[in-house]
């Protein structure tokens, strides 16, 4: 897991919890 992925998980933890169907890939800025 890259630092970017870790950072995204940290920043978007709430979003991921809200949007479990989409997860990090959608929550993470492209």
Protein backbone atom coordinates (compact mmCIF):
# COMPACT_ATOMS: atom_id res chain seq x y z
CA UNK A 1 0.00 0.00 0.00
CA UNK A 2 1.43 3.36 -1.03
CA UNK A 3 1.51 6.46 1.16
CA UNK A 4 -1.08 8.05 -1.12
CA UNK A 5 -3.48 5.19 -0.47
CA UNK A 6 -2.90 5.44 3.28
CA UNK A 7 -3.45 9.20 3.16
CA UNK A 8 -6.62 8.77 1.15
CA UNK A 9 -7.95 6.20 3.59
CA UNK A 10 -7.22 8.55 6.47
CA UNK A 11 -8.82 11.58 4.84
CA UNK A 12 -11.80 9.77 3.41
CA UNK A 13 -12.43 7.31 6.25
CA UNK A 14 -15.85 8.85 6.89
CA UNK A 15 -16.67 8.90 3.19
CA UNK A 16 -15.70 5.25 2.90
CA UNK A 17 -17.88 4.40 5.86
CA UNK A 18 -20.74 6.26 4.18
CA UNK A 19 -20.00 4.89 0.72
CA UNK A 20 -18.88 1.33 1.38
CA UNK A 21 -20.19 0.31 -2.03
CA UNK A 22 -17.72 2.61 -3.78
CA UNK A 23 -14.81 2.55 -1.35
CA UNK A 24 -11.41 4.22 -1.63
CA UNK A 25 -11.21 4.16 -5.42
CA UNK A 26 -14.16 6.51 -5.80
CA UNK A 27 -13.42 8.52 -2.67
CA UNK A 28 -9.81 9.13 -3.71
CA UNK A 29 -9.31 12.17 -5.99
CA UNK A 30 -8.25 11.13 -9.48
